[in-house]
N, C-alpha and C. Protein backbone atom coordinates (compact mmCIF):
# COMPACT_ATOMS: atom_id res chain seq x y z
N UNK A 1 12.24 21.72 -19.03
CA UNK A 1 12.99 21.79 -17.73
C UNK A 1 13.90 20.72 -17.67
N UNK A 2 15.21 21.30 -17.30
CA UNK A 2 16.24 20.41 -17.32
C UNK A 2 16.32 19.52 -15.86
N UNK A 3 16.44 18.18 -16.07
CA UNK A 3 16.60 17.49 -14.90
C UNK A 3 17.98 17.32 -14.32
N UNK A 4 18.14 17.44 -13.05
CA UNK A 4 19.54 17.42 -12.46
C UNK A 4 19.63 15.90 -11.96
N UNK A 5 20.31 15.01 -12.80
CA UNK A 5 20.47 13.57 -12.20
C UNK A 5 21.35 13.54 -10.86
N UNK A 6 22.15 14.22 -10.77
CA UNK A 6 23.21 14.36 -9.53
C UNK A 6 22.45 14.83 -8.33
N UNK A 7 21.41 15.79 -8.47
CA UNK A 7 20.55 16.00 -7.46
C UNK A 7 19.62 14.91 -7.03
N UNK A 8 19.07 14.15 -7.72
CA UNK A 8 18.23 12.91 -7.68
C UNK A 8 19.14 11.96 -6.90
N UNK A 9 20.35 11.58 -7.31
CA UNK A 9 21.23 10.62 -6.68
C UNK A 9 21.53 10.98 -5.36
N UNK A 10 21.71 12.35 -5.18
CA UNK A 10 22.17 12.88 -3.79
C UNK A 10 20.99 12.73 -2.75
N UNK A 11 19.78 13.00 -3.20
CA UNK A 11 18.66 13.22 -2.25
C UNK A 11 17.54 12.03 -2.26
N UNK A 12 17.58 11.15 -3.27
CA UNK A 12 16.63 10.28 -2.98
C UNK A 12 16.51 9.42 -1.79
N UNK A 13 15.43 8.93 -1.34
CA UNK A 13 15.23 8.29 -0.01
C UNK A 13 13.99 7.57 -0.16
N UNK A 14 13.80 6.77 1.02
CA UNK A 14 12.89 5.74 1.22
C UNK A 14 11.67 6.03 2.45
N UNK A 15 10.45 5.38 2.25
CA UNK A 15 9.70 5.26 3.39
C UNK A 15 9.64 3.94 3.65
N UNK A 16 9.21 3.46 4.79
CA UNK A 16 8.94 2.02 5.28
C UNK A 16 8.23 1.33 4.26
N UNK A 17 6.99 1.97 3.73
CA UNK A 17 6.14 1.47 2.96
C UNK A 17 6.70 0.94 1.56
N UNK A 18 7.68 1.65 1.10
CA UNK A 18 7.99 1.40 -0.28
C UNK A 18 8.80 0.09 -0.39
N UNK A 19 9.32 -0.53 0.57
CA UNK A 19 10.14 -1.68 0.61
C UNK A 19 9.06 -2.99 0.11
N UNK A 20 7.95 -2.98 0.74
CA UNK A 20 6.85 -3.86 0.51
C UNK A 20 6.40 -3.67 -0.83
N UNK A 21 6.02 -2.51 -1.31
CA UNK A 21 5.49 -2.21 -2.61
C UNK A 21 6.59 -2.69 -3.70
N UNK A 22 7.74 -2.39 -3.35
CA UNK A 22 8.81 -2.91 -4.49
C UNK A 22 8.56 -4.49 -4.49
N UNK A 23 8.77 -5.05 -3.50
CA UNK A 23 8.56 -6.57 -3.63
C UNK A 23 7.40 -7.05 -4.21
N UNK A 24 6.27 -6.30 -3.89
CA UNK A 24 4.96 -6.73 -4.44
C UNK A 24 4.94 -6.59 -5.95
N UNK A 25 5.45 -5.26 -6.47
CA UNK A 25 5.31 -4.92 -7.91
C UNK A 25 6.30 -5.95 -8.64
N UNK A 26 7.50 -6.26 -8.14
CA UNK A 26 8.47 -6.97 -8.87
C UNK A 26 8.26 -8.47 -8.66
N UNK A 27 7.31 -8.82 -7.76
CA UNK A 27 7.06 -10.24 -7.26
C UNK A 27 8.33 -10.85 -6.86
N UNK A 28 9.04 -10.06 -5.82
CA UNK A 28 10.51 -10.47 -5.30
C UNK A 28 10.20 -10.56 -3.93
N UNK A 29 11.49 -10.78 -3.18
CA UNK A 29 11.60 -10.88 -1.71
C UNK A 29 12.92 -10.36 -1.28
N UNK A 30 12.98 -9.06 -1.84
CA UNK A 30 14.36 -8.29 -1.48
C UNK A 30 14.40 -7.91 0.02
N UNK A 31 15.54 -7.81 0.60
CA UNK A 31 15.66 -7.22 1.83
C UNK A 31 15.66 -5.70 1.53
N UNK A 32 15.68 -4.81 2.73
CA UNK A 32 15.83 -3.49 2.45
C UNK A 32 17.03 -3.16 1.67
N UNK A 33 18.15 -3.78 2.20
CA UNK A 33 19.45 -3.71 1.51
C UNK A 33 19.65 -3.81 0.04
N UNK A 34 18.97 -4.91 -0.20
CA UNK A 34 18.85 -5.33 -1.61
C UNK A 34 18.06 -4.50 -2.63
N UNK A 35 16.99 -3.83 -2.03
CA UNK A 35 16.09 -3.07 -2.72
C UNK A 35 16.87 -1.67 -2.92
N UNK A 36 17.50 -1.37 -1.96
CA UNK A 36 18.27 -0.05 -2.09
C UNK A 36 19.48 -0.28 -2.91
N UNK A 37 20.14 -1.24 -2.98
CA UNK A 37 21.31 -1.37 -3.91
C UNK A 37 20.74 -1.48 -5.24
N UNK A 38 19.78 -2.36 -5.64
CA UNK A 38 19.09 -2.35 -6.83
C UNK A 38 18.77 -0.89 -7.46
N UNK A 39 17.95 -0.10 -6.51
CA UNK A 39 17.68 1.38 -7.02
C UNK A 39 18.81 2.09 -7.23
N UNK A 40 19.81 2.16 -6.41
CA UNK A 40 20.97 2.89 -6.69
C UNK A 40 21.66 2.59 -7.68
N UNK A 41 21.81 1.33 -8.15
CA UNK A 41 22.50 0.70 -9.29
C UNK A 41 21.72 1.26 -10.63
N UNK A 42 20.21 1.10 -10.59
CA UNK A 42 19.67 1.61 -11.81
C UNK A 42 19.65 3.03 -12.05
N UNK A 43 19.49 3.77 -10.81
CA UNK A 43 19.53 5.24 -11.02
C UNK A 43 21.08 5.70 -11.54
N UNK A 44 22.02 5.02 -11.07
CA UNK A 44 23.30 5.51 -11.49
C UNK A 44 23.64 4.96 -13.03
N UNK A 45 23.01 4.00 -13.47
CA UNK A 45 23.48 3.28 -14.70
C UNK A 45 22.57 4.00 -15.67
N UNK A 46 21.53 4.58 -15.28
CA UNK A 46 20.41 4.86 -16.48
C UNK A 46 20.82 6.52 -16.91
N UNK A 47 21.05 6.54 -18.15
CA UNK A 47 21.37 7.70 -18.87
C UNK A 47 20.28 8.73 -18.65
N UNK A 48 20.75 9.99 -18.61
CA UNK A 48 19.83 11.12 -18.47
C UNK A 48 18.67 11.18 -19.24
N UNK A 49 18.80 10.80 -20.60
CA UNK A 49 17.95 10.77 -21.53
C UNK A 49 16.54 9.90 -21.15
N UNK A 50 16.84 8.92 -20.26
CA UNK A 50 15.63 8.11 -19.84
C UNK A 50 15.14 8.54 -18.45
N UNK A 51 15.54 9.79 -18.05
CA UNK A 51 14.88 10.42 -16.82
C UNK A 51 13.80 11.47 -17.45
N UNK A 52 12.83 11.38 -16.82
CA UNK A 52 11.69 12.37 -17.34
C UNK A 52 10.82 12.80 -16.21
N UNK A 53 10.40 13.99 -16.19
CA UNK A 53 9.56 14.66 -15.29
C UNK A 53 8.11 14.74 -15.66
N UNK A 54 7.02 14.16 -15.09
CA UNK A 54 5.68 14.22 -15.47
C UNK A 54 5.05 14.75 -14.34
N UNK A 55 4.27 15.89 -14.19
CA UNK A 55 3.77 16.23 -12.96
C UNK A 55 4.69 16.48 -11.87
N UNK A 56 4.19 15.84 -10.77
CA UNK A 56 5.17 16.02 -9.51
C UNK A 56 6.05 14.92 -9.51
N UNK A 57 6.29 13.96 -10.46
CA UNK A 57 7.06 12.81 -10.37
C UNK A 57 8.33 12.82 -11.50
N UNK A 58 9.34 12.20 -10.90
CA UNK A 58 10.41 11.77 -11.91
C UNK A 58 10.18 10.35 -12.25
N UNK A 59 10.30 9.98 -13.60
CA UNK A 59 10.24 8.59 -14.08
C UNK A 59 11.53 8.11 -14.67
N UNK A 60 12.15 7.13 -14.05
CA UNK A 60 13.37 6.82 -14.59
C UNK A 60 13.34 5.38 -15.07
N UNK A 61 13.44 5.32 -16.51
CA UNK A 61 13.20 3.94 -17.14
C UNK A 61 14.53 3.34 -17.68
N UNK A 62 14.77 2.17 -17.28
CA UNK A 62 16.05 1.51 -17.61
C UNK A 62 15.75 0.27 -18.45
N UNK A 63 15.83 0.32 -19.69
CA UNK A 63 15.60 -0.90 -20.54
C UNK A 63 16.37 -2.02 -20.26
N UNK A 64 17.66 -1.82 -19.84
CA UNK A 64 18.58 -3.11 -19.56
C UNK A 64 18.24 -3.88 -18.37
N UNK A 65 17.69 -2.99 -17.39
CA UNK A 65 17.34 -3.73 -16.27
C UNK A 65 15.67 -4.05 -16.24
N UNK A 66 14.96 -3.50 -17.35
CA UNK A 66 13.60 -3.56 -17.45
C UNK A 66 12.58 -3.28 -16.24
N UNK A 67 13.36 -1.94 -15.62
CA UNK A 67 12.70 -1.29 -14.52
C UNK A 67 12.43 0.03 -14.91
N UNK A 68 11.36 0.60 -14.24
CA UNK A 68 11.06 2.16 -14.17
C UNK A 68 10.80 2.43 -12.70
N UNK A 69 11.49 3.42 -12.27
CA UNK A 69 11.42 3.92 -10.92
C UNK A 69 10.79 5.24 -10.97
N UNK A 70 9.65 5.28 -9.87
CA UNK A 70 8.93 6.57 -9.68
C UNK A 70 9.52 7.33 -8.52
N UNK A 71 9.92 8.63 -8.57
CA UNK A 71 10.36 9.31 -7.47
C UNK A 71 9.71 10.61 -7.37
N UNK A 72 9.02 11.09 -6.33
CA UNK A 72 8.48 12.43 -6.03
C UNK A 72 9.51 13.34 -6.25
N UNK A 73 9.20 14.39 -7.12
CA UNK A 73 9.99 15.39 -7.40
C UNK A 73 10.34 16.55 -6.31
N UNK A 74 9.34 16.60 -5.35
CA UNK A 74 9.41 17.57 -4.18
C UNK A 74 10.25 16.86 -3.07
N UNK A 75 10.01 15.61 -2.72
CA UNK A 75 10.62 15.04 -1.58
C UNK A 75 11.76 14.14 -1.96
N UNK A 76 11.93 13.78 -3.10
CA UNK A 76 12.84 12.76 -3.69
C UNK A 76 12.76 11.38 -3.08
N UNK A 77 11.31 11.04 -2.52
CA UNK A 77 11.04 9.81 -1.97
C UNK A 77 10.69 8.85 -3.33
N UNK A 78 11.28 7.69 -3.06
CA UNK A 78 11.05 6.56 -4.09
C UNK A 78 9.62 6.24 -3.78
N UNK A 79 8.85 6.27 -4.84
CA UNK A 79 7.35 5.90 -4.78
C UNK A 79 7.09 4.39 -5.00
N UNK A 80 7.78 3.98 -6.16
CA UNK A 80 7.48 2.59 -6.58
C UNK A 80 8.56 2.27 -7.68
N UNK A 81 8.64 0.93 -7.79
CA UNK A 81 9.51 0.51 -8.91
C UNK A 81 8.68 -0.67 -9.80
N UNK A 82 8.47 -0.39 -11.08
CA UNK A 82 7.72 -1.21 -11.93
C UNK A 82 8.49 -1.91 -12.99
N UNK A 83 8.11 -3.25 -13.51
CA UNK A 83 8.69 -3.79 -14.62
C UNK A 83 8.16 -3.03 -15.89
N UNK A 84 9.03 -2.73 -16.71
CA UNK A 84 8.63 -2.10 -18.01
C UNK A 84 8.01 -3.16 -18.90
N UNK A 85 6.83 -2.68 -19.33
CA UNK A 85 5.78 -3.57 -20.12
C UNK A 85 6.49 -3.58 -21.62
N UNK A 86 6.89 -4.84 -22.00
CA UNK A 86 7.52 -4.71 -23.42
C UNK A 86 6.35 -5.14 -24.49
């Protein structure tokens, strides 16, 4: 199955709960705007080869930022952001 990066970039969105989850997982204290800017930057900079779909989610791994973003493939909602374990 081909992943459409442009469709993901155009449609991804957030729920209120995800901001707290991002801060908890990354051990950070980002504002909503900072979280959104980080996710936008990582999604744009990540090459398509690092986008994968497993089950109902997209997983976008960016080694440069050491982050993996999980996005629901049906709603395009950001589910969580994790550090990549090295």
